[in-house]
Each structure stands twice: as structure tokens, then as C-alpha cells.
N, C-alpha and C. Protein backbone atom coordinates (compact mmCIF):
# COMPACT_ATOMS: atom_id res chain seq x y z
N MET A 1 127.03 126.05 26.49
CA MET A 1 126.60 126.17 27.88
C MET A 1 125.61 125.04 28.20
N SER A 2 125.79 124.41 29.34
CA SER A 2 124.93 123.30 29.75
C SER A 2 124.20 123.65 31.03
N ASP A 3 123.01 123.09 31.17
CA ASP A 3 122.27 123.17 32.43
C ASP A 3 122.49 121.86 33.18
N TRP A 4 122.73 121.95 34.49
CA TRP A 4 122.87 120.75 35.31
C TRP A 4 121.55 120.45 36.00
N LEU A 5 121.13 119.20 35.95
CA LEU A 5 119.95 118.72 36.67
C LEU A 5 120.41 117.66 37.66
N GLU A 6 119.79 117.63 38.84
CA GLU A 6 120.15 116.64 39.86
C GLU A 6 118.90 115.97 40.39
N HIS A 7 119.00 114.67 40.62
CA HIS A 7 117.87 113.90 41.14
C HIS A 7 118.36 112.98 42.25
N THR A 8 117.54 112.79 43.26
CA THR A 8 117.82 111.84 44.33
C THR A 8 116.60 110.94 44.48
N VAL A 9 116.84 109.65 44.43
CA VAL A 9 115.78 108.65 44.61
C VAL A 9 116.31 107.59 45.55
N GLN A 10 115.40 106.91 46.24
CA GLN A 10 115.85 105.84 47.13
C GLN A 10 114.83 104.72 47.18
N VAL A 11 115.30 103.57 47.62
CA VAL A 11 114.44 102.40 47.77
C VAL A 11 114.92 101.61 48.98
N GLU A 12 114.01 100.94 49.63
CA GLU A 12 114.38 100.02 50.71
C GLU A 12 114.27 98.61 50.17
N VAL A 13 115.34 97.85 50.36
CA VAL A 13 115.42 96.48 49.86
C VAL A 13 115.47 95.54 51.05
N GLU A 14 114.59 94.56 51.07
CA GLU A 14 114.55 93.60 52.17
C GLU A 14 115.65 92.55 51.97
N ALA A 15 116.88 93.02 52.01
CA ALA A 15 118.04 92.15 51.84
C ALA A 15 119.19 92.74 52.65
N PRO A 16 120.12 91.89 53.07
CA PRO A 16 121.25 92.38 53.87
C PRO A 16 122.18 93.28 53.07
N ILE A 17 122.85 94.16 53.76
CA ILE A 17 123.73 95.15 53.13
C ILE A 17 124.84 94.47 52.32
N ASP A 18 125.36 93.31 52.78
CA ASP A 18 126.41 92.61 52.04
C ASP A 18 125.96 92.27 50.62
N LEU A 19 124.74 91.77 50.49
CA LEU A 19 124.21 91.40 49.18
C LEU A 19 123.97 92.64 48.33
N VAL A 20 123.31 93.63 48.89
CA VAL A 20 123.00 94.86 48.16
C VAL A 20 124.30 95.52 47.67
N TRP A 21 125.29 95.60 48.54
CA TRP A 21 126.58 96.20 48.18
C TRP A 21 127.25 95.40 47.06
N SER A 22 127.29 94.08 47.20
CA SER A 22 127.99 93.28 46.20
C SER A 22 127.34 93.39 44.82
N LEU A 23 126.03 93.47 44.76
CA LEU A 23 125.35 93.62 43.47
C LEU A 23 125.65 94.99 42.86
N TRP A 24 125.50 96.04 43.66
CA TRP A 24 125.64 97.39 43.11
C TRP A 24 127.10 97.72 42.78
N SER A 25 128.04 97.22 43.56
CA SER A 25 129.44 97.58 43.34
C SER A 25 130.03 96.87 42.12
N ASP A 26 129.32 95.90 41.57
CA ASP A 26 129.74 95.26 40.32
C ASP A 26 129.13 96.06 39.16
N LEU A 27 129.83 97.13 38.77
CA LEU A 27 129.28 98.11 37.82
C LEU A 27 128.82 97.49 36.51
N GLU A 28 129.48 96.45 36.06
CA GLU A 28 129.12 95.85 34.77
C GLU A 28 127.73 95.21 34.79
N GLN A 29 127.16 95.02 35.98
CA GLN A 29 125.80 94.46 36.10
C GLN A 29 124.69 95.50 35.97
N MET A 30 125.06 96.79 35.98
CA MET A 30 124.07 97.88 35.95
C MET A 30 122.98 97.75 34.87
N PRO A 31 123.34 97.33 33.64
CA PRO A 31 122.29 97.22 32.62
C PRO A 31 121.16 96.26 32.99
N ARG A 32 121.38 95.38 33.96
CA ARG A 32 120.32 94.46 34.39
C ARG A 32 119.14 95.19 35.01
N TRP A 33 119.40 96.36 35.64
CA TRP A 33 118.29 97.08 36.27
C TRP A 33 118.17 98.54 35.84
N MET A 34 119.14 99.07 35.14
CA MET A 34 119.06 100.47 34.71
C MET A 34 118.65 100.52 33.24
N LYS A 35 117.42 100.96 33.01
CA LYS A 35 116.77 100.91 31.70
C LYS A 35 117.60 101.54 30.59
N TRP A 36 118.15 102.70 30.82
CA TRP A 36 118.85 103.42 29.75
C TRP A 36 120.31 103.03 29.60
N ILE A 37 120.86 102.32 30.57
CA ILE A 37 122.27 101.94 30.50
C ILE A 37 122.39 100.68 29.63
N ASP A 38 123.04 100.85 28.50
CA ASP A 38 123.20 99.75 27.55
C ASP A 38 124.39 98.88 27.92
N SER A 39 125.48 99.51 28.38
CA SER A 39 126.65 98.72 28.78
C SER A 39 127.55 99.51 29.71
N VAL A 40 128.28 98.77 30.53
CA VAL A 40 129.32 99.32 31.41
C VAL A 40 130.51 98.38 31.31
N LYS A 41 131.66 98.92 31.00
CA LYS A 41 132.89 98.13 30.92
C LYS A 41 133.90 98.70 31.90
N VAL A 42 134.50 97.82 32.70
CA VAL A 42 135.53 98.21 33.66
C VAL A 42 136.83 97.53 33.25
N PRO A 43 137.83 98.31 32.83
CA PRO A 43 139.11 97.70 32.44
C PRO A 43 139.76 96.99 33.63
N GLU A 44 140.28 95.80 33.38
CA GLU A 44 140.91 95.02 34.45
C GLU A 44 142.10 95.74 35.06
N ASP A 45 142.82 96.52 34.24
CA ASP A 45 144.03 97.17 34.74
C ASP A 45 143.75 98.47 35.49
N ASN A 46 142.49 98.95 35.46
CA ASN A 46 142.16 100.19 36.18
C ASN A 46 140.70 100.15 36.65
N PRO A 47 140.42 99.49 37.78
CA PRO A 47 139.04 99.32 38.23
C PRO A 47 138.36 100.61 38.71
N ASP A 48 139.11 101.72 38.82
CA ASP A 48 138.48 102.99 39.20
C ASP A 48 137.88 103.71 38.00
N ILE A 49 138.13 103.21 36.80
CA ILE A 49 137.61 103.82 35.57
C ILE A 49 136.56 102.89 34.98
N SER A 50 135.48 103.45 34.44
CA SER A 50 134.48 102.65 33.76
C SER A 50 134.00 103.38 32.51
N LEU A 51 133.64 102.60 31.49
CA LEU A 51 133.18 103.14 30.22
C LEU A 51 131.69 102.82 30.09
N TRP A 52 130.87 103.85 29.93
CA TRP A 52 129.41 103.72 29.97
C TRP A 52 128.80 104.07 28.61
N THR A 53 127.71 103.36 28.27
CA THR A 53 126.91 103.69 27.09
C THR A 53 125.45 103.77 27.53
N LEU A 54 124.82 104.90 27.22
CA LEU A 54 123.41 105.13 27.51
C LEU A 54 122.69 105.22 26.17
N LYS A 55 121.55 104.52 26.06
CA LYS A 55 120.73 104.59 24.85
C LYS A 55 119.29 104.83 25.26
N SER A 56 118.66 105.81 24.60
CA SER A 56 117.25 106.09 24.87
C SER A 56 116.67 106.91 23.72
N GLY A 57 115.53 106.46 23.22
CA GLY A 57 114.80 107.23 22.23
C GLY A 57 115.61 107.68 21.04
N GLY A 58 116.48 106.83 20.54
CA GLY A 58 117.28 107.19 19.38
C GLY A 58 118.55 107.95 19.70
N PHE A 59 118.71 108.36 20.95
CA PHE A 59 119.94 109.03 21.37
C PHE A 59 120.90 108.00 21.95
N GLU A 60 122.17 108.23 21.74
CA GLU A 60 123.19 107.40 22.37
C GLU A 60 124.29 108.31 22.90
N PHE A 61 124.64 108.12 24.16
CA PHE A 61 125.71 108.89 24.79
C PHE A 61 126.70 107.92 25.41
N THR A 62 127.96 108.30 25.36
CA THR A 62 128.98 107.50 26.04
C THR A 62 129.79 108.43 26.94
N TRP A 63 130.38 107.86 27.94
CA TRP A 63 131.26 108.62 28.81
C TRP A 63 132.20 107.69 29.56
N LYS A 64 133.24 108.28 30.05
CA LYS A 64 134.20 107.58 30.91
C LYS A 64 134.03 108.17 32.29
N SER A 65 133.93 107.30 33.28
CA SER A 65 133.68 107.73 34.64
C SER A 65 134.82 107.28 35.55
N ARG A 66 135.06 108.06 36.60
CA ARG A 66 136.09 107.73 37.59
C ARG A 66 135.45 107.65 38.97
N ILE A 67 135.79 106.60 39.69
CA ILE A 67 135.34 106.46 41.08
C ILE A 67 136.16 107.43 41.93
N LEU A 68 135.49 108.31 42.64
CA LEU A 68 136.17 109.29 43.49
C LEU A 68 136.33 108.79 44.93
N LYS A 69 135.33 108.03 45.38
CA LYS A 69 135.33 107.63 46.79
C LYS A 69 134.55 106.32 46.93
N VAL A 70 135.13 105.41 47.68
CA VAL A 70 134.44 104.16 48.00
C VAL A 70 134.63 103.90 49.48
N ILE A 71 133.53 103.74 50.18
CA ILE A 71 133.55 103.26 51.57
C ILE A 71 132.64 102.03 51.55
N PRO A 72 133.21 100.82 51.65
CA PRO A 72 132.40 99.61 51.53
C PRO A 72 131.16 99.65 52.43
N HIS A 73 130.05 99.23 51.84
CA HIS A 73 128.74 99.17 52.49
C HIS A 73 128.15 100.55 52.81
N GLN A 74 128.80 101.64 52.33
CA GLN A 74 128.30 102.98 52.62
C GLN A 74 128.13 103.86 51.39
N ILE A 75 129.18 104.01 50.56
CA ILE A 75 129.08 104.97 49.46
C ILE A 75 130.00 104.61 48.29
N ILE A 76 129.51 104.89 47.09
CA ILE A 76 130.33 104.91 45.88
C ILE A 76 130.04 106.26 45.23
N GLN A 77 131.07 107.06 45.06
CA GLN A 77 130.92 108.40 44.48
C GLN A 77 131.70 108.44 43.17
N TRP A 78 131.13 109.09 42.15
CA TRP A 78 131.79 109.13 40.85
C TRP A 78 131.64 110.48 40.17
N GLU A 79 132.44 110.65 39.11
CA GLU A 79 132.27 111.78 38.20
C GLU A 79 132.74 111.34 36.82
N SER A 80 132.13 111.91 35.79
CA SER A 80 132.59 111.60 34.44
C SER A 80 133.87 112.40 34.18
N ILE A 81 134.74 111.81 33.39
CA ILE A 81 135.99 112.49 33.04
C ILE A 81 136.10 112.67 31.53
N ASP A 82 135.11 112.15 30.81
CA ASP A 82 135.10 112.27 29.36
C ASP A 82 133.68 111.94 28.88
N GLY A 83 133.21 112.62 27.85
CA GLY A 83 131.89 112.32 27.32
C GLY A 83 130.79 113.06 28.05
N LEU A 84 129.64 112.42 28.21
CA LEU A 84 128.47 113.03 28.84
C LEU A 84 128.79 113.46 30.27
N PRO A 85 128.71 114.77 30.58
CA PRO A 85 129.06 115.23 31.94
C PRO A 85 128.04 114.76 32.98
N ASN A 86 128.52 114.04 33.99
CA ASN A 86 127.65 113.59 35.08
C ASN A 86 128.48 113.31 36.32
N ARG A 87 127.80 113.28 37.45
CA ARG A 87 128.45 112.99 38.73
C ARG A 87 127.37 112.54 39.70
N GLY A 88 127.80 111.92 40.78
CA GLY A 88 126.81 111.51 41.76
C GLY A 88 127.38 110.54 42.78
N ALA A 89 126.45 109.95 43.52
CA ALA A 89 126.82 109.00 44.56
C ALA A 89 125.67 108.03 44.80
N ILE A 90 126.04 106.83 45.15
CA ILE A 90 125.07 105.85 45.61
C ILE A 90 125.43 105.56 47.06
N ARG A 91 124.45 105.74 47.92
CA ARG A 91 124.68 105.55 49.36
C ARG A 91 123.87 104.36 49.86
N PHE A 92 124.43 103.67 50.83
CA PHE A 92 123.82 102.47 51.38
C PHE A 92 123.66 102.65 52.88
N TYR A 93 122.50 102.28 53.38
CA TYR A 93 122.22 102.38 54.81
C TYR A 93 121.75 101.01 55.31
N ASP A 94 122.50 100.46 56.25
CA ASP A 94 122.21 99.14 56.80
C ASP A 94 121.09 99.25 57.84
N ARG A 95 119.99 98.58 57.58
CA ARG A 95 118.88 98.55 58.53
C ARG A 95 118.72 97.15 59.11
N HIS A 96 119.80 96.38 59.10
CA HIS A 96 119.91 95.03 59.65
C HIS A 96 119.10 94.01 58.84
N THR A 97 117.79 94.10 58.81
CA THR A 97 117.02 93.15 58.01
C THR A 97 116.75 93.68 56.61
N SER A 98 117.06 94.93 56.39
CA SER A 98 116.89 95.53 55.07
C SER A 98 118.00 96.56 54.84
N SER A 99 118.02 97.11 53.64
CA SER A 99 119.03 98.10 53.28
C SER A 99 118.35 99.23 52.51
N ILE A 100 118.77 100.45 52.79
CA ILE A 100 118.30 101.60 52.02
C ILE A 100 119.36 101.89 50.96
N VAL A 101 118.91 102.05 49.72
CA VAL A 101 119.80 102.42 48.62
C VAL A 101 119.33 103.78 48.13
N LYS A 102 120.24 104.77 48.19
CA LYS A 102 119.90 106.15 47.84
C LYS A 102 120.84 106.62 46.72
N LEU A 103 120.26 106.93 45.58
CA LEU A 103 121.03 107.34 44.41
C LEU A 103 120.83 108.83 44.16
N THR A 104 121.94 109.56 44.07
CA THR A 104 121.92 110.97 43.67
C THR A 104 122.73 111.06 42.38
N ALA A 105 122.11 111.56 41.35
CA ALA A 105 122.78 111.69 40.05
C ALA A 105 122.56 113.10 39.52
N ALA A 106 123.62 113.71 39.05
CA ALA A 106 123.55 115.03 38.41
C ALA A 106 124.17 114.90 37.03
N TYR A 107 123.59 115.61 36.07
CA TYR A 107 124.09 115.51 34.71
C TYR A 107 123.87 116.83 34.00
N ALA A 108 124.73 117.09 33.05
CA ALA A 108 124.61 118.30 32.25
C ALA A 108 123.79 117.97 31.01
N ILE A 109 122.86 118.84 30.70
CA ILE A 109 122.05 118.68 29.50
C ILE A 109 122.83 119.24 28.32
N PRO A 110 123.17 118.40 27.34
CA PRO A 110 123.87 118.93 26.17
C PRO A 110 123.02 120.01 25.49
N GLY A 111 123.68 121.02 24.96
CA GLY A 111 123.01 122.16 24.36
C GLY A 111 121.90 121.79 23.40
N ILE A 112 122.13 120.79 22.55
CA ILE A 112 121.13 120.41 21.55
C ILE A 112 119.87 119.86 22.22
N LEU A 113 120.03 119.06 23.26
CA LEU A 113 118.85 118.52 23.96
C LEU A 113 118.12 119.62 24.70
N GLY A 114 118.88 120.53 25.29
CA GLY A 114 118.26 121.65 26.01
C GLY A 114 117.36 122.47 25.10
N LYS A 115 117.75 122.58 23.83
CA LYS A 115 116.94 123.33 22.87
C LYS A 115 115.70 122.54 22.46
N ILE A 116 115.83 121.22 22.39
CA ILE A 116 114.72 120.38 21.95
C ILE A 116 113.70 120.17 23.06
N MET A 117 114.18 119.91 24.27
CA MET A 117 113.29 119.51 25.37
C MET A 117 113.32 120.53 26.50
N ASP A 118 112.17 120.73 27.08
CA ASP A 118 112.07 121.53 28.29
C ASP A 118 112.76 120.77 29.42
N ASN A 119 113.69 121.41 30.13
CA ASN A 119 114.45 120.73 31.19
C ASN A 119 113.56 120.15 32.29
N LEU A 120 112.46 120.83 32.59
CA LEU A 120 111.55 120.33 33.62
C LEU A 120 110.94 119.00 33.16
N PHE A 121 110.53 118.96 31.91
CA PHE A 121 109.96 117.74 31.33
C PHE A 121 111.00 116.62 31.33
N LEU A 122 112.21 116.93 30.87
CA LEU A 122 113.28 115.94 30.84
C LEU A 122 113.60 115.46 32.25
N GLY A 123 113.64 116.40 33.20
CA GLY A 123 113.92 116.04 34.59
C GLY A 123 112.90 115.06 35.14
N ARG A 124 111.61 115.26 34.81
CA ARG A 124 110.57 114.34 35.28
C ARG A 124 110.76 112.95 34.69
N ILE A 125 111.12 112.89 33.41
CA ILE A 125 111.36 111.61 32.76
C ILE A 125 112.53 110.89 33.42
N VAL A 126 113.62 111.62 33.63
CA VAL A 126 114.81 111.01 34.23
C VAL A 126 114.51 110.54 35.65
N GLU A 127 113.85 111.37 36.43
CA GLU A 127 113.56 110.98 37.82
C GLU A 127 112.66 109.75 37.88
N SER A 128 111.63 109.71 37.05
CA SER A 128 110.74 108.54 37.07
C SER A 128 111.49 107.29 36.59
N THR A 129 112.40 107.46 35.64
CA THR A 129 113.20 106.32 35.17
C THR A 129 114.13 105.83 36.27
N LEU A 130 114.78 106.76 36.99
CA LEU A 130 115.67 106.36 38.09
C LEU A 130 114.90 105.64 39.20
N LYS A 131 113.69 106.12 39.50
CA LYS A 131 112.86 105.43 40.51
C LYS A 131 112.54 104.02 40.05
N ALA A 132 112.17 103.88 38.78
CA ALA A 132 111.86 102.56 38.23
C ALA A 132 113.11 101.68 38.24
N ASP A 133 114.28 102.26 37.94
CA ASP A 133 115.54 101.51 37.99
C ASP A 133 115.78 100.95 39.38
N LEU A 134 115.56 101.77 40.41
CA LEU A 134 115.78 101.29 41.78
C LEU A 134 114.77 100.20 42.15
N GLU A 135 113.55 100.30 41.64
CA GLU A 135 112.56 99.24 41.88
C GLU A 135 113.00 97.94 41.19
N ARG A 136 113.54 98.07 39.97
CA ARG A 136 114.07 96.88 39.27
C ARG A 136 115.25 96.30 40.05
N PHE A 137 116.12 97.18 40.59
CA PHE A 137 117.23 96.71 41.39
C PHE A 137 116.71 95.93 42.61
N LYS A 138 115.70 96.47 43.26
CA LYS A 138 115.12 95.81 44.43
C LYS A 138 114.64 94.41 44.07
N GLN A 139 113.92 94.28 42.95
CA GLN A 139 113.42 92.97 42.52
C GLN A 139 114.58 92.03 42.18
N TYR A 140 115.61 92.57 41.54
CA TYR A 140 116.79 91.77 41.18
C TYR A 140 117.49 91.28 42.46
N ALA A 141 117.65 92.16 43.44
CA ALA A 141 118.30 91.79 44.71
C ALA A 141 117.48 90.73 45.45
N LEU A 142 116.16 90.88 45.47
CA LEU A 142 115.30 89.91 46.16
C LEU A 142 115.36 88.55 45.47
N LYS A 143 115.40 88.56 44.13
CA LYS A 143 115.53 87.32 43.38
C LYS A 143 116.87 86.66 43.66
N THR A 144 117.93 87.45 43.69
CA THR A 144 119.27 86.93 43.97
C THR A 144 119.33 86.35 45.39
N LYS A 145 118.70 87.06 46.34
CA LYS A 145 118.67 86.60 47.73
C LYS A 145 117.94 85.25 47.82
N ALA A 146 116.82 85.12 47.12
CA ALA A 146 116.02 83.89 47.15
C ALA A 146 116.80 82.71 46.54
N GLU A 147 117.59 83.00 45.50
CA GLU A 147 118.36 81.97 44.83
C GLU A 147 119.59 81.56 45.63
N GLY A 148 120.08 82.52 46.48
CA GLY A 148 121.32 82.29 47.24
C GLY A 148 121.09 81.38 48.37
């Protein structure tokens, strides 16, 4: 039996939606700003599937994810289909001179971790990490914008 935890975090990036979308929709770039994501591989023959590896504190989890919905410049929605159970969406809001990036992620706590860690404690760690990830994304987007 697993417990599901869900977190929503957002950041405003002083960059146009085209740039923000192009960076985020290139899934293989995620490790550049997501601390726990070690790698993302997207097979050329099936771009709706991606293979993820998460590493943190001696733990390593892998999963296969499927894109459920894509509306360019608005939303990318996914769910895992193998491995670590997770699902969520990244939403984009065009503010003309800036963009809002809102990430909602839900994941199942594997039984062994649930026994080791208090879910509230784990939830706080995950949420603070996701917030920091979005801040790193913001800095990466601003750097890319300045170089472009």
C-alpha cells in the first residue's frame, strides 16, 4: 500500500513564453535544474515516452513516463507507466513580458520509505526541493535569454 503526496509550486520568469516553453518541453534538459533528476531519456521513435532516473541520499528510483496531454505554451501532463508511481502537470501562463511556470507533482511513497520517513517530513523536503528546482529553472531561463 502506498500513500500519495501532491505538491504545487510556481515561479514567475522574466522571459517570454516561447523561451520558457522550449526549455521545459525539452525533457532531456531537466537535470540542468532539477536537483534529484539524474537523467531523462526520450526515445527518438516514441517522443511521448520518457525514461527517468532520480537519485537522492543513496536512493535511486527509475520510471517510465507517458505524456498524456500537450497544449503548446500551456500544459504538459504526464503519468508514470512503470517504476516509481507519479503523475502531474506543468502549466505555463503568458504574462507578455514574463511567464508563470506552475508545477504540480504527485507521487506514491514506496512502502519501505513510508516506514522509514514521516510523510509530512518527506513532503516538506520534496516541496522545498521543487521550489528550489523552479528557482534554478528561472536562473537557467534568464541566462539562456541573455545569451540569445
